């Protein structure tokens, strides 16, 4: 700003006195700009426009008079011996004061806006991370409760299978806990986790429930694309939890397909008997929708269809946002 002032005034800096002249001229301009920013501009922000215009005019007029006197008596008195009148000089310095005032104010506002935008983005990121941790904390106890419920049921009907199921359960719990500390896992890891969970459900339900689980076997695709961990298990859990019926055929069908970076997960299950329906069916779906909105905004489509005998959920997910490929 000081260099620009020197260039604008066409001041030659051949001696220390020339440098001192330019410095004093700049200090007056800069002081006017800071006075405006700290003491006068707040009146504009508080919508007291009359007071703002009056103070801006008075302060600019005062500093312009000082600059004119500085030029007239010390910096460039020779200019006023020619065609430059005092009126022209006053007008020139008044406009110069306004330009420097609003230039410095603009730089300050840009810097302040950039800082606020940065702080807002950091706050939003922090809130998103806290919300994700909260949703994940909601998922943990619900998930563990279902698994231990399964194990308890098997221990009553067939105690000899309990040790092997405990081992499977520990593997599921290990993955569930370890993946919770990661931002992404491969599609293959997530599908393997679901496969183990389905195996636990098959052990629990035995022949009472018809279960089918189909998923892609292309190892290169499963290892190439990644996904937010535990994003799919809620759909699978809901399919088992809310499919129990004793009056109709009890079934759960899970189909996972992967076409390049497009993942489609479809679950179809029997509609639970009215007296066996669990009112918490909406909680899991709300949870997964909130996680999808944060992790895959605009990159997913979740549909739910229900009739008298079948409940279907279809999730279409584009893996661009979290994929490495």
Protein backbone atom coordinates (compact mmCIF):
# COMPACT_ATOMS: atom_id res chain seq x y z
CA UNK A 1 0.00 0.00 0.00
CA UNK A 2 2.88 2.34 0.82
CA UNK A 3 4.54 1.63 -2.55
CA UNK A 4 1.25 2.26 -4.37
CA UNK A 5 0.90 5.58 -2.56
CA UNK A 6 4.37 6.63 -3.66
CA UNK A 7 3.66 5.67 -7.26
CA UNK A 8 0.28 7.38 -7.25
CA UNK A 9 1.75 10.64 -5.97
CA UNK A 10 4.73 10.35 -8.37
CA UNK A 11 7.06 10.93 -5.45
CA UNK A 12 10.76 10.60 -6.18
CA UNK A 13 12.71 8.83 -3.46
CA UNK A 14 16.19 10.24 -3.90
CA UNK A 15 16.81 11.24 -0.30
CA UNK A 16 15.71 10.32 3.19
CA UNK A 17 13.48 13.42 3.23
CA UNK A 18 11.65 12.16 0.13
CA UNK A 19 11.08 8.83 1.85
CA UNK A 20 9.85 10.61 4.98
CA UNK A 21 7.38 12.69 2.94
CA UNK A 22 5.92 9.58 1.36
CA UNK A 23 5.75 7.79 4.69
CA UNK A 24 3.85 10.62 6.40
CA UNK A 25 1.47 10.89 3.44
CA UNK A 26 0.82 7.14 3.63
CA UNK A 27 0.34 7.20 7.42
CA UNK A 28 -2.40 9.82 7.09
CA UNK A 29 -4.22 7.80 4.42
CA UNK A 30 -3.85 4.56 6.35
CA UNK A 31 -4.98 6.18 9.62
CA UNK A 32 -8.11 7.48 7.90
CA UNK A 33 -8.86 3.97 6.59
CA UNK A 34 -8.38 2.38 10.02
CA UNK A 35 -10.47 5.09 11.70
CA UNK A 36 -13.23 4.33 9.24
CA UNK A 37 -12.96 0.57 9.72
CA UNK A 38 -12.96 0.54 13.52
CA UNK A 39 -15.07 3.56 14.51
CA UNK A 40 -17.20 4.69 11.57
CA UNK A 41 -18.07 1.54 9.60
CA UNK A 42 -19.85 -0.07 12.62
CA UNK A 43 -22.55 2.65 12.25
CA UNK A 44 -23.20 1.36 8.73
CA UNK A 45 -23.43 -2.22 10.00
CA UNK A 46 -25.95 -1.12 12.64
CA UNK A 47 -28.01 0.57 9.86
CA UNK A 48 -27.45 4.07 11.25
CA UNK A 49 -26.77 5.38 7.75
CA UNK A 50 -27.22 9.09 8.49
CA UNK A 51 -24.60 9.06 11.24
CA UNK A 52 -22.32 6.93 9.07
CA UNK A 53 -22.43 9.31 6.07
CA UNK A 54 -21.92 12.36 8.29
CA UNK A 55 -18.89 10.90 10.10
CA UNK A 56 -17.42 9.56 6.85
CA UNK A 57 -17.70 12.99 5.23
CA UNK A 58 -16.24 14.87 8.21
CA UNK A 59 -13.31 12.47 8.73
CA UNK A 60 -12.49 12.34 5.01
CA UNK A 61 -12.69 16.12 4.75
CA UNK A 62 -10.36 16.55 7.73
CA UNK A 63 -7.73 14.14 6.43
CA UNK A 64 -8.02 15.62 2.92
CA UNK A 65 -7.28 19.05 4.36
CA UNK A 66 -4.21 17.65 6.15
CA UNK A 67 -2.98 16.01 2.93
CA UNK A 68 -3.59 19.20 0.98
CA UNK A 69 -1.64 21.22 3.53
CA UNK A 70 1.14 18.65 3.42
CA UNK A 71 1.37 18.90 -0.36
CA UNK A 72 0.97 22.69 -0.43
CA UNK A 73 3.60 23.55 2.16
CA UNK A 74 6.10 20.67 2.00
CA UNK A 75 5.76 17.79 -0.44
CA UNK A 76 4.94 19.51 -3.76
CA UNK A 77 4.39 23.27 -3.34
CA UNK A 78 5.45 23.86 -6.96
CA UNK A 79 2.23 22.22 -8.19
CA UNK A 80 0.11 24.98 -6.72
CA UNK A 81 2.08 27.72 -8.47
CA UNK A 82 0.75 26.52 -11.79
CA UNK A 83 -2.72 25.51 -12.94
CA UNK A 84 -3.62 23.45 -9.84
CA UNK A 85 -5.90 25.44 -7.55
CA UNK A 86 -6.64 24.75 -3.92
CA UNK A 87 -10.13 23.60 -4.88
CA UNK A 88 -8.77 21.08 -7.36
CA UNK A 89 -6.23 19.91 -4.81
CA UNK A 90 -8.90 19.48 -2.15
CA UNK A 91 -11.13 17.50 -4.51
CA UNK A 92 -8.21 15.29 -5.55
CA UNK A 93 -7.22 14.49 -1.98
CA UNK A 94 -10.84 13.92 -0.93
CA UNK A 95 -11.30 11.33 -3.69
CA UNK A 96 -7.90 9.80 -2.88
CA UNK A 97 -8.96 9.40 0.76
CA UNK A 98 -12.19 7.68 -0.23
CA UNK A 99 -10.39 5.31 -2.62
CA UNK A 100 -7.77 4.30 -0.04
CA UNK A 101 -10.43 3.97 2.69
CA UNK A 102 -12.64 1.61 0.72
CA UNK A 103 -9.70 -0.30 -0.76
CA UNK A 104 -8.38 -1.14 2.71
CA UNK A 105 -11.93 -1.88 3.91
CA UNK A 106 -12.45 -4.26 0.98
CA UNK A 107 -9.23 -6.12 1.76
CA UNK A 108 -10.29 -6.41 5.39
CA UNK A 109 -13.77 -7.70 4.49
CA UNK A 110 -12.34 -10.25 2.06
CA UNK A 111 -9.92 -11.51 4.69
CA UNK A 112 -12.67 -11.63 7.32
CA UNK A 113 -15.02 -13.51 4.97
CA UNK A 114 -12.30 -16.00 4.12
CA UNK A 115 -11.59 -16.58 7.82
CA UNK A 116 -15.28 -17.02 8.64
CA UNK A 117 -15.75 -19.39 5.72
CA UNK A 118 -12.78 -21.45 6.89
CA UNK A 119 -14.11 -21.55 10.45
CA UNK A 120 -17.60 -22.47 9.21
CA UNK A 121 -16.21 -25.32 7.12
CA UNK A 122 -14.15 -26.60 10.06
CA UNK A 123 -17.19 -26.40 12.33
CA UNK A 124 -19.36 -28.21 9.78
CA UNK A 125 -16.73 -30.93 9.39
CA UNK A 126 -16.45 -31.31 13.16
CA UNK A 127 -20.24 -31.54 13.52
CA UNK A 128 -20.41 -34.14 10.73
CA UNK A 129 -17.70 -36.23 12.39
CA UNK A 130 -19.46 -35.96 15.76
CA UNK A 131 -22.77 -36.92 14.16
CA UNK A 132 -21.21 -39.92 12.44
CA UNK A 133 -19.69 -41.07 15.71
CA UNK A 134 -23.06 -40.64 17.39
CA UNK A 135 -24.82 -42.68 14.71
CA UNK A 136 -22.12 -45.32 14.93
CA UNK A 137 -22.54 -45.44 18.71
CA UNK A 138 -26.25 -45.98 18.12
CA UNK A 139 -25.45 -48.85 15.76
CA UNK A 140 -23.09 -50.69 18.11
CA UNK A 141 -25.44 -51.62 20.98
CA UNK A 142 -28.32 -52.37 18.61
CA UNK A 143 -26.12 -54.64 16.53
CA UNK A 144 -24.61 -56.44 19.51
CA UNK A 145 -28.01 -56.94 21.09
CA UNK A 146 -29.27 -58.72 17.97
CA UNK A 147 -26.22 -60.97 17.78
CA UNK A 148 -26.39 -62.03 21.42
CA UNK A 149 -30.11 -62.60 21.01
CA UNK A 150 -29.30 -64.97 18.15
CA UNK A 151 -26.72 -66.80 20.23
CA UNK A 152 -29.13 -67.12 23.14
CA UNK A 153 -31.77 -68.65 20.89
CA UNK A 154 -29.37 -71.25 19.51
CA UNK A 155 -28.05 -72.13 22.97
CA UNK A 156 -31.58 -73.08 23.99
CA UNK A 157 -32.41 -75.16 20.93
CA UNK A 158 -29.03 -76.77 20.14
CA UNK A 159 -26.36 -76.19 22.84
CA UNK A 160 -23.73 -78.27 20.99
CA UNK A 161 -23.46 -75.62 18.27
CA UNK A 162 -22.88 -72.82 20.75
CA UNK A 163 -19.02 -72.92 20.80
CA UNK A 164 -18.70 -72.59 17.00
CA UNK A 165 -21.26 -69.81 16.99
CA UNK A 166 -19.38 -67.96 19.72
CA UNK A 167 -16.30 -68.08 17.48
CA UNK A 168 -18.27 -66.67 14.55
CA UNK A 169 -19.77 -64.06 16.81
CA UNK A 170 -16.33 -62.95 17.99
CA UNK A 171 -15.23 -62.55 14.36
CA UNK A 172 -18.28 -60.43 13.64
CA UNK A 173 -17.69 -58.30 16.72
CA UNK A 174 -14.01 -57.85 15.86
CA UNK A 175 -14.83 -56.62 12.37
CA UNK A 176 -17.62 -54.42 13.67
CA UNK A 177 -15.34 -52.76 16.21
CA UNK A 178 -12.22 -52.50 14.01
CA UNK A 179 -14.06 -51.21 10.94
CA UNK A 180 -15.68 -48.54 13.09
CA UNK A 181 -12.26 -46.86 13.35
CA UNK A 182 -11.86 -46.74 9.55
CA UNK A 183 -13.35 -44.34 7.05
CA UNK A 184 -13.55 -46.99 4.34
CA UNK A 185 -13.35 -50.73 3.83
CA UNK A 186 -13.37 -52.73 0.61
CA UNK A 187 -16.64 -54.01 -0.79
CA UNK A 188 -15.25 -57.51 -0.35
CA UNK A 189 -14.73 -57.01 3.39
CA UNK A 190 -18.25 -55.64 3.85
CA UNK A 191 -19.81 -58.48 1.83
CA UNK A 192 -17.84 -61.08 3.79
CA UNK A 193 -19.09 -59.52 7.02
CA UNK A 194 -22.69 -59.73 5.80
CA UNK A 195 -22.12 -63.34 4.75
CA UNK A 196 -21.01 -64.23 8.28
CA UNK A 197 -24.02 -62.45 9.73
CA UNK A 198 -26.38 -64.33 7.41
CA UNK A 199 -24.71 -67.59 8.48
CA UNK A 200 -25.47 -66.71 12.10
CA UNK A 201 -29.10 -66.07 11.20
CA UNK A 202 -29.28 -69.39 9.36
CA UNK A 203 -28.04 -71.13 12.49
CA UNK A 204 -30.62 -69.35 14.58
CA UNK A 205 -33.65 -69.85 12.38
CA UNK A 206 -32.81 -73.30 11.05
CA UNK A 207 -35.35 -74.56 8.52
CA UNK A 208 -38.08 -72.23 9.71
CA UNK A 209 -36.87 -69.40 7.47
CA UNK A 210 -35.97 -69.67 3.78
CA UNK A 211 -32.81 -67.63 3.32
CA UNK A 212 -31.04 -66.76 0.08
CA UNK A 213 -27.97 -64.59 -0.14
CA UNK A 214 -26.36 -63.81 -3.50
CA UNK A 215 -23.43 -61.49 -4.05
CA UNK A 216 -20.78 -60.83 -6.74
CA UNK A 217 -17.72 -63.07 -6.91
CA UNK A 218 -15.50 -60.78 -8.99
CA UNK A 219 -12.52 -60.44 -6.65
CA UNK A 220 -10.99 -57.58 -8.65
CA UNK A 221 -14.12 -55.45 -8.28
CA UNK A 222 -14.59 -56.38 -4.63
CA UNK A 223 -11.02 -55.30 -3.87
CA UNK A 224 -11.06 -52.20 -6.08
CA UNK A 225 -14.03 -50.34 -4.69
CA UNK A 226 -14.51 -49.21 -1.13
CA UNK A 227 -17.45 -48.23 1.01
CA UNK A 228 -18.18 -46.67 4.39
CA UNK A 229 -18.14 -49.56 6.89
CA UNK A 230 -21.36 -51.06 8.26
CA UNK A 231 -23.51 -49.02 5.90
CA UNK A 232 -25.36 -52.08 4.56
CA UNK A 233 -25.79 -54.29 7.62
CA UNK A 234 -28.78 -52.27 8.87
CA UNK A 235 -30.79 -53.28 5.82
CA UNK A 236 -29.89 -56.94 6.33
CA UNK A 237 -30.66 -56.78 10.06
CA UNK A 238 -34.05 -55.23 9.40
CA UNK A 239 -34.87 -57.93 6.88
CA UNK A 240 -34.38 -60.66 9.49
CA UNK A 241 -35.72 -58.79 12.47
CA UNK A 242 -39.00 -57.77 10.87
CA UNK A 243 -39.78 -60.85 8.78
CA UNK A 244 -40.97 -63.30 11.46
CA UNK A 245 -44.29 -64.88 10.58
CA UNK A 246 -46.09 -68.03 11.66
CA UNK A 247 -49.12 -67.61 9.43
CA UNK A 248 -47.30 -67.26 6.08
CA UNK A 249 -44.04 -68.38 4.48
CA UNK A 250 -41.09 -66.92 6.38
CA UNK A 251 -38.34 -65.86 3.99
CA UNK A 252 -35.43 -63.43 3.59
CA UNK A 253 -33.79 -62.81 0.21
CA UNK A 254 -30.65 -60.68 -0.10
CA UNK A 255 -29.22 -59.76 -3.49
CA UNK A 256 -26.07 -57.66 -3.92
CA UNK A 257 -24.86 -56.68 -7.39
CA UNK A 258 -21.88 -54.58 -8.43
CA UNK A 259 -21.68 -53.00 -11.86
CA UNK A 260 -18.46 -51.01 -12.15
CA UNK A 261 -18.85 -48.39 -9.40
CA UNK A 262 -22.59 -48.90 -8.91
CA UNK A 263 -23.64 -51.04 -5.96
CA UNK A 264 -27.22 -52.32 -5.65
CA UNK A 265 -28.44 -54.01 -2.49
CA UNK A 266 -31.94 -55.46 -2.46
CA UNK A 267 -33.55 -57.15 0.53
CA UNK A 268 -36.93 -58.87 0.30
CA UNK A 269 -38.53 -60.44 3.33
CA UNK A 270 -41.87 -61.74 4.45
CA UNK A 271 -44.13 -59.22 6.14
CA UNK A 272 -44.20 -59.91 9.87
CA UNK A 273 -47.43 -60.97 11.52
CA UNK A 274 -49.27 -58.03 13.02
CA UNK A 275 -48.80 -59.23 16.58
CA UNK A 276 -45.08 -59.85 15.95
CA UNK A 277 -44.29 -56.51 14.32
CA UNK A 278 -41.56 -54.49 16.01
CA UNK A 279 -42.28 -50.74 16.21
CA UNK A 280 -38.54 -49.99 15.93
CA UNK A 281 -38.38 -50.87 12.23
CA UNK A 282 -38.08 -47.20 11.29
CA UNK A 283 -35.11 -46.49 13.56
CA UNK A 284 -32.63 -48.48 11.49
CA UNK A 285 -33.80 -46.89 8.24
CA UNK A 286 -33.55 -43.39 9.72
CA UNK A 287 -30.03 -44.20 10.88
CA UNK A 288 -28.88 -45.44 7.48
CA UNK A 289 -30.49 -42.47 5.68
CA UNK A 290 -28.65 -40.02 7.92
CA UNK A 291 -25.33 -41.77 7.32
CA UNK A 292 -25.96 -41.91 3.57
CA UNK A 293 -26.84 -38.21 3.49
CA UNK A 294 -23.52 -37.34 5.12
CA UNK A 295 -21.29 -39.82 3.28
CA UNK A 296 -22.95 -40.06 -0.14
CA UNK A 297 -24.99 -36.88 -0.67
CA UNK A 298 -26.70 -37.07 -4.05
CA UNK A 299 -25.05 -40.41 -4.82
CA UNK A 300 -27.61 -42.87 -3.52
CA UNK A 301 -31.23 -43.91 -3.92
CA UNK A 302 -33.07 -45.80 -1.18
CA UNK A 303 -36.55 -47.14 -1.87
CA UNK A 304 -38.91 -49.05 0.39
CA UNK A 305 -41.91 -51.00 -0.90
CA UNK A 306 -44.36 -52.95 1.22
CA UNK A 307 -47.50 -54.94 0.56
CA UNK A 308 -49.49 -57.46 2.56
CA UNK A 309 -46.91 -60.24 2.25
CA UNK A 310 -43.56 -58.73 1.25
CA UNK A 311 -41.30 -55.92 2.45
CA UNK A 312 -38.62 -54.76 -0.01
CA UNK A 313 -35.76 -52.27 0.33
CA UNK A 314 -33.51 -51.32 -2.58
CA UNK A 315 -30.35 -49.27 -2.15
CA UNK A 316 -28.52 -48.00 -5.22
CA UNK A 317 -25.16 -46.50 -4.34
CA UNK A 318 -22.58 -44.78 -6.52
CA UNK A 319 -19.14 -45.47 -5.08
CA UNK A 320 -17.32 -42.51 -6.64
CA UNK A 321 -17.26 -40.51 -3.41
CA UNK A 322 -15.37 -43.09 -1.36
CA UNK A 323 -13.75 -45.31 -3.97
CA UNK A 324 -10.11 -45.55 -4.79
CA UNK A 325 -10.75 -46.60 -8.34
